[in-house]
Amino acid sequence: MARIDNKLLFFTTSPRTPAKMIPEIKLLAEKFSGNQWNQFTQEKFVDELAQSDFFEGKGSPFDKAFSARDRINRAPKALGFVDLNPCVALTEAGHFFIYGKRPQEIFLRQLLKFQLPSPYHSENRNIAGTFHIRPYLEILRLVRELEYITFDEFKIFAVQMTDYHRFEAIRDSILQFREEKSRNRGQYKRFVNHIWEGAILEIHKDRIAAGKTRTRETHDASLKKFVATQKSNMRDYADACFRYLRYTGLISISHKNRSISIFDDKIVEVDFILSTVPRDPVCVNDLNAYKRYLFSANLPALYTDNKANIVDVLMRIGSFTRRELAGKTLEELKDLRDDIVQRHKDAVINKQVAEIKSYALYSEIIDTFNEIIADEYYDAPLMLEYNTWRAMTMLDGGNIKGNFNFDDAGQPLSTAAGNMTDIECDYDDFALSVEVTLQSGQRQYESEGEPVARHYGQLKKRSGKETYCLFIAPTINAATLAHFYGLNHLSIALYGGKSKIIPLELDQFMRLIENAYSYETQPEPKDIRRFLDYAIMLCEKATDENNWRSGIQACVDLWLAS
């Protein structure tokens, strides 16, 4: 049983991306069902996870069992997808989440059932009575009443709503914050930090007065360190909630304004939820009853579980008559709805692509790169993937596929899965993988070095064409540069012989885009390949990796230059 010892609203933070749970839970269920969830099983699970083609990483080298619990005991268990006692078992909700056609629908039901306290989450006796809430339900209510909620508003105020009876007070605090913000234009960051630190000192005043400011992760008991730790927790919880709510399909996000709101066409569904789902936690002291409730794939009821309601939805978004829909089952009606939504999403994305290829969004794309570097976006790694896809699409001449996920409105939802390259460019006679990262320093090399080369090798084998790779980051770490320089000189069967991986700093990539925009005609695939071949030729002739770095810069400056 997890014990809550902090006076902040708690959200599951692992895995960070909901969709990544699906293959991990599937592996657990298919390999370990019926086994006790003990240290031996946990270590074996991490070994299997490390060998899978969907997981990036190896787990903790010092405590593999902890890594397993981090992946399974948090969101998968807390949301009722797996039962770990008395042995590993996939629940009814878990089955439909893993194998069903509508995982987002099941995910929404489970979020609405998540509650504090519960038989899975009990309060430390020092804060007994603090929690009485279904967190995701009340956050939906908050977004609905306020029309939107920003990341800053969430991390400062929403995380304080530990009891739903405090809903009005939290809502009013946010409205007051908005009024004060309008009077602090030009010094917003300072204003936010002042309000944020004041909230932390107020929330934890008893703990601070008692001198209990040391956290489990450090021996530093200073107030400065304590406040920094609480800030980190509040950011993590805000990020986790945003990501999980977005996966339900009900929530739209503005990455630039760092805010979430409800899709206009989903408001009726949210209003149904808010009027029918009980606000009080249930079965807090009855584990078996709680499991029966939590594991159900049909609870709570959603707006579209009613045939009449989904018929109304279909008539609104499609060109059906009631007579055409009358004889269909609920599942058939949902299939029709999903098909229409997918076709609408495809049309929106195709319209984006056409606009991008016309260079109409050139200035916006360049501005977005600059704003990503300046940390002006929520989920900057996702926006970097999305904007790089837009930039490669603008260069045109090929089929450019971003492996990140789009939401139903055609906006970026989540980054590419760990088993594939970020962006794949298919040209007539060659292929190009594009990998992007915001990581820097030694962590860049440790996290990106092997996966980039592996993804490159996989694309080369799958395409059957001459293949290249662009690795793009704001700065290229010296170890990363040396790694790719070395790989390009070695014949490695796993990567299809000598690799052709070209590291580019983001400002160099932006220079390429600028050159293409200024070019007398629209660049063609042969122009792109000429740059790639020249960069690889420079690698072959370079005296060392630093000499190659200088050559790449000269190559960037000269490409398509008038």
Protein backbone atom coordinates (compact mmCIF):
# COMPACT_ATOMS: atom_id res chain seq x y z
CA MET A 1 0.00 0.00 0.00
CA ALA A 2 1.33 3.44 -0.95
CA ARG A 3 1.39 5.99 1.84
CA ILE A 4 0.71 9.67 1.13
CA ASP A 5 2.80 11.96 3.29
CA ASN A 6 2.55 15.25 1.39
CA LYS A 7 -0.28 17.78 1.46
CA LEU A 8 -0.44 17.98 -2.31
CA LEU A 9 -2.87 16.41 -4.72
CA PHE A 10 -1.21 13.23 -5.97
CA PHE A 11 -1.12 12.09 -9.60
CA THR A 12 0.63 9.02 -10.93
CA THR A 13 3.81 10.08 -12.74
CA SER A 14 5.06 6.76 -14.14
CA PRO A 15 4.83 5.98 -16.96
CA ARG A 16 4.67 9.63 -18.05
CA THR A 17 2.97 8.78 -21.35
CA PRO A 18 -0.25 6.72 -20.99
CA ALA A 19 0.14 4.87 -24.31
CA LYS A 20 3.49 3.46 -23.15
CA MET A 21 1.64 1.48 -20.50
CA ILE A 22 -0.07 -0.71 -23.08
CA PRO A 23 2.90 -2.81 -24.33
CA GLU A 24 4.38 -2.97 -20.82
CA ILE A 25 1.17 -4.27 -19.23
CA LYS A 26 0.72 -6.68 -22.13
CA LEU A 27 4.21 -8.08 -21.57
CA LEU A 28 3.52 -8.43 -17.83
CA ALA A 29 0.21 -10.20 -18.39
CA GLU A 30 1.43 -12.58 -21.10
CA LYS A 31 4.70 -13.54 -19.41
CA PHE A 32 3.98 -13.34 -15.68
CA SER A 33 0.26 -13.91 -15.03
CA GLY A 34 -0.19 -16.30 -12.13
CA ASN A 35 3.21 -15.47 -10.61
CA GLN A 36 3.67 -13.75 -7.29
CA TRP A 37 4.80 -10.16 -7.68
CA ASN A 38 8.01 -10.50 -5.67
CA GLN A 39 11.62 -9.43 -6.14
CA PHE A 40 12.44 -12.39 -8.40
CA THR A 41 9.45 -11.75 -10.70
CA GLN A 42 10.12 -8.03 -10.74
CA GLU A 43 13.73 -8.52 -11.79
CA LYS A 44 12.71 -10.98 -14.50
CA PHE A 45 10.12 -8.52 -15.76
CA VAL A 46 12.74 -5.78 -16.13
CA ASP A 47 15.00 -8.21 -18.00
CA GLU A 48 12.15 -8.97 -20.42
CA LEU A 49 11.38 -5.27 -20.71
CA ALA A 50 14.98 -4.43 -21.55
CA GLN A 51 14.97 -7.04 -24.33
CA SER A 52 11.70 -5.80 -25.86
CA ASP A 53 11.66 -3.67 -28.99
CA PHE A 54 9.38 -1.01 -27.47
CA PHE A 55 11.27 -0.03 -24.33
CA GLU A 56 14.20 2.38 -24.25
CA GLY A 57 16.54 1.69 -21.35
CA LYS A 58 17.66 -1.20 -19.20
CA GLY A 59 16.12 -0.40 -15.85
CA SER A 60 18.14 0.52 -12.80
CA PRO A 61 21.47 -1.36 -12.80
CA PHE A 62 21.46 -1.28 -8.99
CA ASP A 63 17.83 -2.20 -8.23
CA LYS A 64 15.92 -3.83 -11.08
CA ALA A 65 13.06 -4.74 -8.77
CA PHE A 66 12.54 -1.06 -7.99
CA SER A 67 12.43 -0.29 -11.72
CA ALA A 68 9.69 -2.91 -12.15
CA ARG A 69 7.63 -1.49 -9.31
CA ASP A 70 8.09 2.00 -10.76
CA ARG A 71 6.59 0.85 -14.07
CA ILE A 72 3.78 -1.36 -12.68
CA ASN A 73 2.92 -0.39 -9.08
CA ARG A 74 2.16 3.19 -9.99
CA ALA A 75 -0.27 3.89 -12.85
CA PRO A 76 -1.04 0.30 -14.03
CA LYS A 77 -1.94 -0.85 -10.51
CA ALA A 78 -3.42 2.42 -9.24
CA LEU A 79 -5.70 2.72 -12.27
CA GLY A 80 -6.87 -0.89 -11.98
CA PHE A 81 -5.35 -2.39 -15.11
CA VAL A 82 -3.49 -5.10 -13.19
CA ASP A 83 -4.01 -6.89 -9.91
CA LEU A 84 -0.77 -7.82 -8.12
CA ASN A 85 -2.17 -9.63 -5.09
CA PRO A 86 -2.25 -12.54 -4.49
CA CYS A 87 -0.57 -12.89 -7.91
CA VAL A 88 -0.17 -11.03 -11.19
CA ALA A 89 -3.43 -10.85 -13.14
CA LEU A 90 -4.87 -8.70 -15.89
CA THR A 91 -8.17 -7.14 -14.80
CA GLU A 92 -11.29 -6.74 -16.91
CA ALA A 93 -10.44 -3.05 -17.38
CA GLY A 94 -6.86 -4.01 -18.20
CA HIS A 95 -8.00 -6.51 -20.84
CA PHE A 96 -10.01 -3.89 -22.72
CA PHE A 97 -7.24 -1.32 -22.31
CA ILE A 98 -4.67 -3.69 -23.85
CA TYR A 99 -6.74 -5.58 -26.41
CA GLY A 100 -9.84 -3.45 -26.96
CA LYS A 101 -10.56 -1.05 -29.81
CA ARG A 102 -11.02 1.99 -27.59
CA PRO A 103 -8.23 2.21 -24.98
CA GLN A 104 -8.87 5.93 -24.45
CA GLU A 105 -12.44 5.20 -23.34
CA ILE A 106 -11.29 2.64 -20.78
CA PHE A 107 -8.55 4.99 -19.63
CA LEU A 108 -11.11 7.72 -19.00
CA ARG A 109 -13.27 5.40 -16.88
CA GLN A 110 -10.26 4.44 -14.76
CA LEU A 111 -9.19 8.05 -14.23
CA LEU A 112 -12.66 8.88 -12.99
CA LYS A 113 -12.43 6.05 -10.43
CA PHE A 114 -9.00 7.03 -9.14
CA GLN A 115 -9.49 8.37 -5.61
CA LEU A 116 -7.64 9.52 -2.51
CA PRO A 117 -7.66 7.96 -0.02
CA SER A 118 -8.25 4.39 -1.15
CA PRO A 119 -7.26 0.88 -0.10
CA TYR A 120 -4.25 1.44 -2.38
CA HIS A 121 -3.34 4.88 -1.02
CA SER A 122 -3.55 5.68 2.66
CA GLU A 123 -2.58 8.87 4.46
CA ASN A 124 0.32 9.23 6.83
CA ARG A 125 -1.13 9.69 10.31
CA ASN A 126 0.42 13.19 10.46
CA ILE A 127 -1.90 14.34 7.64
CA ALA A 128 -4.91 12.13 8.37
CA GLY A 129 -8.14 13.59 7.01
CA THR A 130 -6.41 15.73 4.37
CA PHE A 131 -7.64 13.80 1.33
CA HIS A 132 -11.20 13.24 0.18
CA ILE A 133 -11.29 13.51 -3.59
CA ARG A 134 -11.35 11.94 -7.04
CA PRO A 135 -8.53 14.05 -8.48
CA TYR A 136 -9.13 13.74 -12.23
CA LEU A 137 -12.88 14.25 -11.83
CA GLU A 138 -12.40 17.50 -9.92
CA ILE A 139 -9.75 18.78 -12.31
CA LEU A 140 -12.20 18.22 -15.18
CA ARG A 141 -14.74 20.20 -13.17
CA LEU A 142 -12.21 22.97 -12.60
CA VAL A 143 -11.36 23.20 -16.30
CA ARG A 144 -15.05 23.22 -17.21
CA GLU A 145 -15.93 26.04 -14.81
CA LEU A 146 -12.86 28.16 -15.55
CA GLU A 147 -12.97 27.39 -19.33
CA TYR A 148 -9.22 26.69 -19.21
CA ILE A 149 -6.44 26.21 -16.72
CA THR A 150 -2.78 27.05 -17.28
CA PHE A 151 0.20 24.99 -16.20
CA ASP A 152 1.17 27.64 -13.66
CA GLU A 153 -2.35 27.80 -12.23
CA PHE A 154 -2.38 24.04 -11.91
CA LYS A 155 1.01 23.61 -10.27
CA ILE A 156 0.32 26.36 -7.70
CA PHE A 157 -3.39 26.05 -6.92
CA ALA A 158 -5.01 22.91 -8.35
CA VAL A 159 -2.57 20.62 -6.52
CA GLN A 160 -3.85 22.09 -3.25
CA MET A 161 -7.36 20.69 -3.83
CA THR A 162 -6.90 17.62 -1.64
CA ASP A 163 -10.60 17.60 -0.70
CA TYR A 164 -13.36 18.33 -3.19
CA HIS A 165 -15.09 20.46 -0.56
CA ARG A 166 -12.31 22.99 -1.22
CA PHE A 167 -13.27 23.24 -4.89
CA GLU A 168 -14.83 26.72 -4.71
CA ALA A 169 -11.90 28.09 -2.71
CA ILE A 170 -9.36 26.78 -5.23
CA ARG A 171 -11.41 28.08 -8.17
CA ASP A 172 -11.64 31.52 -6.59
CA SER A 173 -7.91 31.56 -5.87
CA ILE A 174 -7.21 30.97 -9.55
CA LEU A 175 -9.59 33.76 -10.57
CA GLN A 176 -7.86 36.11 -8.13
CA PHE A 177 -4.47 35.03 -9.51
CA ARG A 178 -5.64 35.95 -13.01
CA GLU A 179 -6.67 39.40 -11.84
CA GLU A 180 -3.31 39.97 -10.13
CA LYS A 181 -1.45 38.63 -13.17
CA SER A 182 -3.04 41.30 -15.37
CA ARG A 183 -1.52 43.91 -13.05
CA ASN A 184 1.95 42.35 -13.27
CA ARG A 185 2.58 42.35 -17.00
CA GLY A 186 6.24 42.56 -17.84
CA GLN A 187 7.32 40.79 -14.64
CA TYR A 188 5.24 37.63 -14.88
CA LYS A 189 8.00 35.15 -14.00
CA ARG A 190 8.91 37.03 -10.85
CA PHE A 191 5.24 37.36 -9.92
CA VAL A 192 4.57 33.63 -10.43
CA ASN A 193 7.62 32.62 -8.43
CA HIS A 194 6.57 34.87 -5.54
CA ILE A 195 3.05 33.40 -5.45
CA TRP A 196 4.39 29.86 -5.86
CA GLU A 197 6.91 30.07 -3.02
CA GLY A 198 4.31 31.72 -0.80
CA ALA A 199 1.93 28.82 -1.45
CA ILE A 200 4.60 26.26 -0.55
CA LEU A 201 5.45 28.02 2.70
CA GLU A 202 1.74 28.15 3.63
CA ILE A 203 1.00 24.51 2.70
CA HIS A 204 3.96 23.18 4.69
CA LYS A 205 4.08 25.73 7.52
CA ASP A 206 3.61 23.07 10.23
CA ARG A 207 6.36 20.89 8.78
CA ILE A 208 8.70 23.85 8.38
CA ALA A 209 8.02 25.05 11.93
CA ALA A 210 8.87 21.57 13.22
CA GLY A 211 12.15 21.60 11.29
CA LYS A 212 11.13 18.58 9.18
CA THR A 213 12.43 19.92 5.87
CA ARG A 214 14.73 17.09 4.86
CA THR A 215 13.32 14.92 2.08
CA ARG A 216 14.05 11.25 1.38
CA GLU A 217 16.18 12.09 -1.65
CA THR A 218 18.73 14.30 0.14
CA HIS A 219 20.49 15.01 3.43
CA ASP A 220 20.13 18.76 2.81
CA ALA A 221 17.55 20.07 5.28
CA SER A 222 17.78 23.72 4.22
CA LEU A 223 14.58 25.62 3.51
CA LYS A 224 15.90 26.54 0.07
CA LYS A 225 16.35 22.89 -0.86
CA PHE A 226 12.95 21.99 0.60
CA VAL A 227 11.17 24.67 -1.46
CA ALA A 228 13.02 23.55 -4.62
CA THR A 229 11.95 19.94 -4.01
CA GLN A 230 8.31 20.94 -3.53
CA LYS A 231 8.43 22.99 -6.72
CA SER A 232 9.71 19.95 -8.59
CA ASN A 233 6.91 17.78 -7.16
CA MET A 234 4.24 20.32 -8.12
CA ARG A 235 5.59 20.59 -11.67
CA ASP A 236 5.67 16.80 -12.00
CA TYR A 237 2.09 16.41 -10.80
CA ALA A 238 0.84 19.14 -13.15
CA ASP A 239 2.66 17.54 -16.08
CA ALA A 240 1.34 14.07 -15.24
CA CYS A 241 -2.26 15.24 -14.97
CA PHE A 242 -2.07 17.18 -18.23
CA ARG A 243 -0.71 14.15 -20.08
CA TYR A 244 -3.24 11.69 -18.66
CA LEU A 245 -6.24 13.93 -19.26
CA ARG A 246 -5.14 14.61 -22.83
CA TYR A 247 -5.07 10.89 -23.58
CA THR A 248 -8.81 10.65 -22.85
CA GLY A 249 -9.59 12.69 -25.98
CA LEU A 250 -11.64 15.21 -24.01
CA ILE A 251 -8.91 17.78 -23.52
CA SER A 252 -7.29 20.21 -25.92
CA ILE A 253 -3.95 21.85 -25.17
CA SER A 254 -2.34 25.12 -26.14
CA HIS A 255 1.39 24.39 -25.99
CA LYS A 256 2.28 28.07 -26.40
CA ASN A 257 -0.04 29.27 -23.64
CA ARG A 258 0.60 26.14 -21.56
CA SER A 259 -3.08 25.64 -20.89
CA ILE A 260 -5.69 22.92 -21.24
CA SER A 261 -9.36 23.25 -22.10
CA ILE A 262 -12.22 20.98 -23.14
CA PHE A 263 -12.84 20.39 -26.84
CA ASP A 264 -16.04 22.19 -27.80
CA ASP A 265 -17.60 19.02 -29.16
CA LYS A 266 -16.77 17.14 -25.94
CA ILE A 267 -18.42 19.56 -23.52
CA VAL A 268 -21.68 17.57 -23.51
CA GLU A 269 -19.71 14.43 -22.56
CA VAL A 270 -17.86 16.23 -19.77
CA ASP A 271 -21.09 17.74 -18.43
CA PHE A 272 -22.58 14.24 -18.32
CA ILE A 273 -19.58 12.99 -16.31
CA LEU A 274 -19.70 15.90 -13.89
CA SER A 275 -23.41 15.40 -13.25
CA THR A 276 -23.39 11.61 -12.85
CA VAL A 277 -20.06 10.46 -11.36
CA PRO A 278 -20.12 10.59 -7.54
CA ARG A 279 -17.59 12.97 -5.99
CA ASP A 280 -16.99 10.97 -2.81
CA PRO A 281 -14.38 8.19 -2.63
CA VAL A 282 -15.86 4.72 -2.15
CA CYS A 283 -14.90 1.52 -0.32
CA VAL A 284 -11.96 3.25 1.38
CA ASN A 285 -11.67 0.49 4.00
CA ASP A 286 -12.86 -2.47 1.94
CA LEU A 287 -10.15 -3.72 -0.42
CA ASN A 288 -12.20 -6.46 -2.09
CA ALA A 289 -15.17 -4.18 -2.78
CA TYR A 290 -12.83 -1.50 -4.09
CA LYS A 291 -11.16 -3.98 -6.46
CA ARG A 292 -14.53 -5.11 -7.84
CA TYR A 293 -15.41 -1.49 -8.53
CA LEU A 294 -12.00 -0.46 -9.85
CA PHE A 295 -11.48 -3.47 -12.12
CA SER A 296 -14.84 -3.15 -13.92
CA ALA A 297 -14.55 -2.15 -17.59
CA ASN A 298 -18.05 -0.64 -17.64
CA LEU A 299 -17.96 1.76 -14.69
CA PRO A 300 -18.67 4.60 -14.53
CA ALA A 301 -21.16 5.07 -17.35
CA LEU A 302 -20.16 7.55 -20.04
CA TYR A 303 -22.34 9.74 -22.24
CA THR A 304 -21.67 7.58 -25.29
CA ASP A 305 -22.69 4.37 -23.52
CA ASN A 306 -26.25 5.40 -24.33
CA LYS A 307 -27.36 4.52 -27.89
CA ALA A 308 -29.57 7.57 -28.22
CA ASN A 309 -26.68 9.82 -27.26
CA ILE A 310 -24.23 8.34 -29.72
CA VAL A 311 -26.84 8.48 -32.48
CA ASP A 312 -27.12 12.20 -31.76
CA VAL A 313 -23.32 12.50 -31.97
CA LEU A 314 -23.25 10.68 -35.32
CA MET A 315 -26.01 12.83 -36.78
CA ARG A 316 -24.09 15.93 -35.68
CA ILE A 317 -20.70 14.93 -37.12
CA GLY A 318 -21.84 12.74 -40.04
CA SER A 319 -24.54 12.61 -42.68
CA PHE A 320 -26.74 9.87 -41.23
CA THR A 321 -30.47 9.62 -40.65
CA ARG A 322 -31.99 7.99 -37.58
CA ARG A 323 -33.41 5.27 -39.84
CA GLU A 324 -29.90 4.35 -41.07
CA LEU A 325 -28.61 4.06 -37.51
CA ALA A 326 -31.64 2.44 -35.88
CA GLY A 327 -30.65 -1.21 -36.28
CA LYS A 328 -27.00 -0.90 -35.26
CA THR A 329 -25.54 -2.07 -31.95
CA LEU A 330 -23.81 0.31 -29.57
CA GLU A 331 -20.40 -1.05 -30.61
CA GLU A 332 -21.23 -0.59 -34.30
CA LEU A 333 -22.29 2.98 -33.62
CA LYS A 334 -19.03 3.67 -31.79
CA ASP A 335 -17.10 2.17 -34.70
CA LEU A 336 -18.86 4.58 -37.05
CA ARG A 337 -18.03 7.51 -34.80
CA ASP A 338 -14.37 6.49 -34.55
CA ASP A 339 -14.12 6.17 -38.32
CA ILE A 340 -15.53 9.65 -38.86
CA VAL A 341 -13.21 11.15 -36.25
CA GLN A 342 -10.18 9.45 -37.87
CA ARG A 343 -11.13 10.70 -41.33
CA HIS A 344 -11.57 14.20 -39.95
CA LYS A 345 -8.16 14.02 -38.27
CA ASP A 346 -6.52 12.80 -41.49
CA ALA A 347 -8.12 15.67 -43.41
CA VAL A 348 -6.87 18.22 -40.88
CA ILE A 349 -3.33 16.83 -41.05
CA ASN A 350 -3.38 16.74 -44.87
CA LYS A 351 -4.49 20.37 -44.88
CA GLN A 352 -1.59 21.20 -42.55
CA VAL A 353 0.85 19.44 -44.86
CA ALA A 354 -0.38 21.37 -47.90
CA GLU A 355 -0.01 24.67 -46.05
CA ILE A 356 3.45 23.71 -44.78
CA LYS A 357 4.70 22.71 -48.24
CA SER A 358 3.72 26.11 -49.61
CA TYR A 359 6.23 27.73 -47.19
CA ALA A 360 3.34 29.77 -45.79
CA LEU A 361 4.37 28.71 -42.27
CA TYR A 362 8.10 29.40 -42.68
CA SER A 363 8.23 32.27 -40.18
CA GLU A 364 6.06 30.40 -37.68
CA ILE A 365 8.30 27.32 -37.87
CA ILE A 366 11.47 29.34 -37.29
CA ASP A 367 9.83 31.28 -34.44
CA THR A 368 8.71 28.01 -32.85
CA PHE A 369 12.28 26.66 -32.84
CA ASN A 370 13.45 29.83 -31.10
CA GLU A 371 10.64 29.62 -28.57
CA ILE A 372 11.44 25.96 -27.84
CA ILE A 373 15.03 26.93 -27.08
CA ALA A 374 13.75 29.71 -24.82
CA ASP A 375 11.55 27.16 -22.98
CA GLU A 376 8.31 28.92 -23.86
CA TYR A 377 6.36 25.74 -24.61
CA TYR A 378 4.72 23.11 -22.46
CA ASP A 379 6.21 19.71 -23.42
CA ALA A 380 9.09 21.17 -25.41
CA PRO A 381 10.40 17.69 -26.50
CA LEU A 382 7.08 16.95 -28.21
CA MET A 383 7.01 20.38 -29.84
CA LEU A 384 10.58 19.85 -31.09
CA GLU A 385 9.53 16.60 -32.81
CA TYR A 386 6.42 18.21 -34.25
CA ASN A 387 8.16 21.35 -35.48
CA THR A 388 11.04 19.40 -37.00
CA TRP A 389 8.47 17.29 -38.85
CA ARG A 390 6.94 20.52 -40.14
CA ALA A 391 10.37 21.78 -41.22
CA MET A 392 11.23 18.54 -43.05
CA THR A 393 7.80 18.57 -44.70
CA MET A 394 8.42 22.13 -45.85
CA LEU A 395 11.61 21.01 -47.59
CA ASP A 396 9.27 18.74 -49.59
CA GLY A 397 10.19 16.17 -52.20
CA GLY A 398 9.36 13.08 -50.17
CA ASN A 399 6.89 11.32 -47.92
CA ILE A 400 7.65 12.76 -44.47
CA LYS A 401 6.18 10.74 -41.60
CA GLY A 402 6.26 11.92 -38.02
CA ASN A 403 6.03 9.00 -35.61
CA PHE A 404 4.67 11.16 -32.79
CA ASN A 405 0.93 10.94 -32.15
CA PHE A 406 -1.73 13.49 -33.11
CA ASP A 407 -4.91 14.19 -31.18
CA ASP A 408 -8.31 14.28 -32.88
CA ALA A 409 -7.81 17.97 -33.76
CA GLY A 410 -4.53 17.27 -35.55
CA GLN A 411 -2.35 18.71 -32.78
CA PRO A 412 0.72 16.88 -31.38
CA LEU A 413 -0.29 14.56 -28.53
CA SER A 414 2.75 12.48 -27.52
CA THR A 415 6.28 11.78 -28.71
CA ALA A 416 7.30 8.82 -30.86
CA ALA A 417 7.44 5.40 -29.21
CA GLY A 418 10.81 4.20 -28.01
CA ASN A 419 11.17 1.57 -30.73
CA MET A 420 11.13 3.89 -33.74
CA THR A 421 12.81 6.94 -35.17
CA ASP A 422 11.19 10.32 -34.53
CA ILE A 423 10.69 11.18 -38.20
CA GLU A 424 11.02 9.03 -41.34
CA CYS A 425 11.62 10.64 -44.73
CA ASP A 426 11.01 8.38 -47.73
CA TYR A 427 12.45 9.69 -50.98
CA ASP A 428 12.48 7.95 -54.36
CA ASP A 429 15.98 6.48 -54.12
CA PHE A 430 17.01 7.03 -50.50
CA ALA A 431 15.62 7.22 -46.96
CA LEU A 432 16.38 9.58 -44.11
CA SER A 433 15.71 9.17 -40.40
CA VAL A 434 15.58 12.29 -38.25
CA GLU A 435 16.13 12.11 -34.50
CA VAL A 436 15.74 15.12 -32.22
CA THR A 437 16.46 15.75 -28.56
CA LEU A 438 16.69 18.60 -26.08
CA GLN A 439 19.11 16.67 -23.91
CA SER A 440 22.67 17.90 -23.59
CA GLY A 441 25.89 16.91 -21.86
CA GLN A 442 26.79 13.32 -21.06
CA ARG A 443 23.11 12.39 -20.72
CA GLN A 444 22.64 13.10 -24.44
CA TYR A 445 25.26 10.50 -25.33
CA GLU A 446 23.97 7.94 -22.83
CA SER A 447 20.30 8.30 -23.88
CA GLU A 448 20.62 8.83 -27.62
CA GLY A 449 23.83 7.23 -28.87
CA GLU A 450 22.75 3.59 -29.19
CA PRO A 451 19.02 4.12 -29.97
CA VAL A 452 19.74 6.56 -32.82
CA ALA A 453 22.09 4.08 -34.48
CA ARG A 454 19.67 1.19 -33.92
CA HIS A 455 16.72 3.10 -35.38
CA TYR A 456 18.90 4.06 -38.33
CA GLY A 457 19.78 0.41 -38.94
CA GLN A 458 16.14 -0.64 -38.66
CA LEU A 459 15.01 1.95 -41.21
CA LYS A 460 17.82 0.98 -43.59
CA LYS A 461 16.81 -2.67 -43.43
CA ARG A 462 13.09 -1.91 -43.73
CA SER A 463 13.40 0.53 -46.64
CA GLY A 464 15.99 -1.42 -48.63
CA LYS A 465 17.39 1.94 -49.75
CA GLU A 466 20.53 3.95 -49.13
CA THR A 467 19.78 5.50 -45.76
CA TYR A 468 21.01 8.55 -43.86
CA CYS A 469 20.26 9.99 -40.43
CA LEU A 470 20.13 13.55 -39.09
CA PHE A 471 20.59 13.87 -35.34
CA ILE A 472 19.43 17.33 -34.22
CA ALA A 473 19.91 18.93 -30.80
CA PRO A 474 20.40 22.50 -29.53
CA THR A 475 24.00 21.52 -28.76
CA ILE A 476 25.90 18.39 -29.74
CA ASN A 477 27.82 16.85 -26.86
CA ALA A 478 31.46 15.98 -27.57
CA ALA A 479 30.89 12.31 -26.67
CA THR A 480 27.88 12.12 -28.99
CA LEU A 481 29.87 13.68 -31.83
CA ALA A 482 32.75 11.24 -31.29
CA HIS A 483 30.35 8.28 -31.14
CA PHE A 484 28.72 9.02 -34.49
CA TYR A 485 32.07 9.90 -36.06
CA GLY A 486 33.38 6.49 -35.01
CA LEU A 487 30.27 4.60 -36.18
CA ASN A 488 30.50 6.22 -39.59
CA HIS A 489 34.01 4.72 -39.98
CA LEU A 490 33.12 1.20 -38.86
CA SER A 491 31.31 -1.54 -40.74
CA ILE A 492 28.75 -2.92 -38.27
CA ALA A 493 26.30 -5.60 -39.44
CA LEU A 494 23.64 -4.49 -36.94
CA TYR A 495 23.53 -1.07 -38.60
CA GLY A 496 23.79 -2.39 -42.17
CA GLY A 497 27.50 -1.64 -42.64
CA LYS A 498 28.97 1.82 -42.22
CA SER A 499 26.40 4.21 -40.83
CA LYS A 500 25.68 7.65 -42.26
CA ILE A 501 24.66 9.68 -39.21
CA ILE A 502 25.11 13.45 -39.32
CA PRO A 503 24.82 15.46 -36.08
CA LEU A 504 23.46 18.98 -36.48
CA GLU A 505 23.00 21.67 -33.88
CA LEU A 506 19.56 23.24 -34.03
CA ASP A 507 20.83 26.58 -35.30
CA GLN A 508 22.58 24.72 -38.15
CA PHE A 509 19.34 22.95 -39.05
CA MET A 510 17.52 26.28 -38.96
CA ARG A 511 20.16 27.67 -41.32
CA LEU A 512 19.38 24.86 -43.76
CA ILE A 513 15.69 25.80 -43.61
CA GLU A 514 16.56 29.45 -44.16
CA ASN A 515 18.71 28.58 -47.19
CA ALA A 516 15.89 26.47 -48.65
CA TYR A 517 13.40 29.32 -48.15
CA SER A 518 15.71 31.78 -49.91
CA TYR A 519 16.61 29.40 -52.76
CA GLU A 520 15.55 30.43 -56.25
CA THR A 521 13.41 27.31 -56.68
CA GLN A 522 11.94 24.77 -54.27
CA PRO A 523 14.59 22.23 -53.18
CA GLU A 524 14.32 18.70 -54.53
CA PRO A 525 15.37 15.36 -53.02
CA LYS A 526 18.60 15.50 -55.04
CA ASP A 527 19.50 18.75 -53.26
CA ILE A 528 18.93 17.17 -49.86
CA ARG A 529 20.97 14.12 -50.81
CA ARG A 530 23.80 16.29 -52.10
CA PHE A 531 24.11 17.86 -48.64
CA LEU A 532 23.98 14.46 -46.90
CA ASP A 533 26.61 12.92 -49.19
CA TYR A 534 28.92 15.89 -48.80
CA ALA A 535 28.65 15.77 -44.98
CA ILE A 536 29.49 12.04 -44.99
CA MET A 537 32.40 12.61 -47.39
CA LEU A 538 33.75 15.22 -44.97
CA CYS A 539 33.48 12.66 -42.17
CA GLU A 540 35.55 10.16 -44.18
CA LYS A 541 38.27 12.73 -44.86
CA ALA A 542 38.29 14.45 -41.46
CA THR A 543 41.34 14.04 -39.23
CA ASP A 544 39.10 13.72 -36.16
CA GLU A 545 35.57 14.46 -34.98
CA ASN A 546 36.31 18.14 -34.27
CA ASN A 547 37.64 18.60 -37.79
CA TRP A 548 34.41 17.01 -39.03
CA ARG A 549 32.34 19.40 -36.89
CA SER A 550 34.01 22.34 -38.62
CA GLY A 551 33.36 20.78 -42.00
CA ILE A 552 29.66 20.30 -41.22
CA GLN A 553 29.34 24.00 -40.39
CA ALA A 554 30.92 24.95 -43.73
CA CYS A 555 28.63 22.48 -45.50
CA VAL A 556 25.57 24.05 -43.82
CA ASP A 557 26.64 27.55 -44.81
CA LEU A 558 27.15 26.61 -48.46
CA TRP A 559 24.07 24.45 -49.05
CA LEU A 560 21.78 26.18 -51.57
CA ALA A 561 23.57 29.45 -50.87
CA SER A 562 23.20 31.96 -53.67
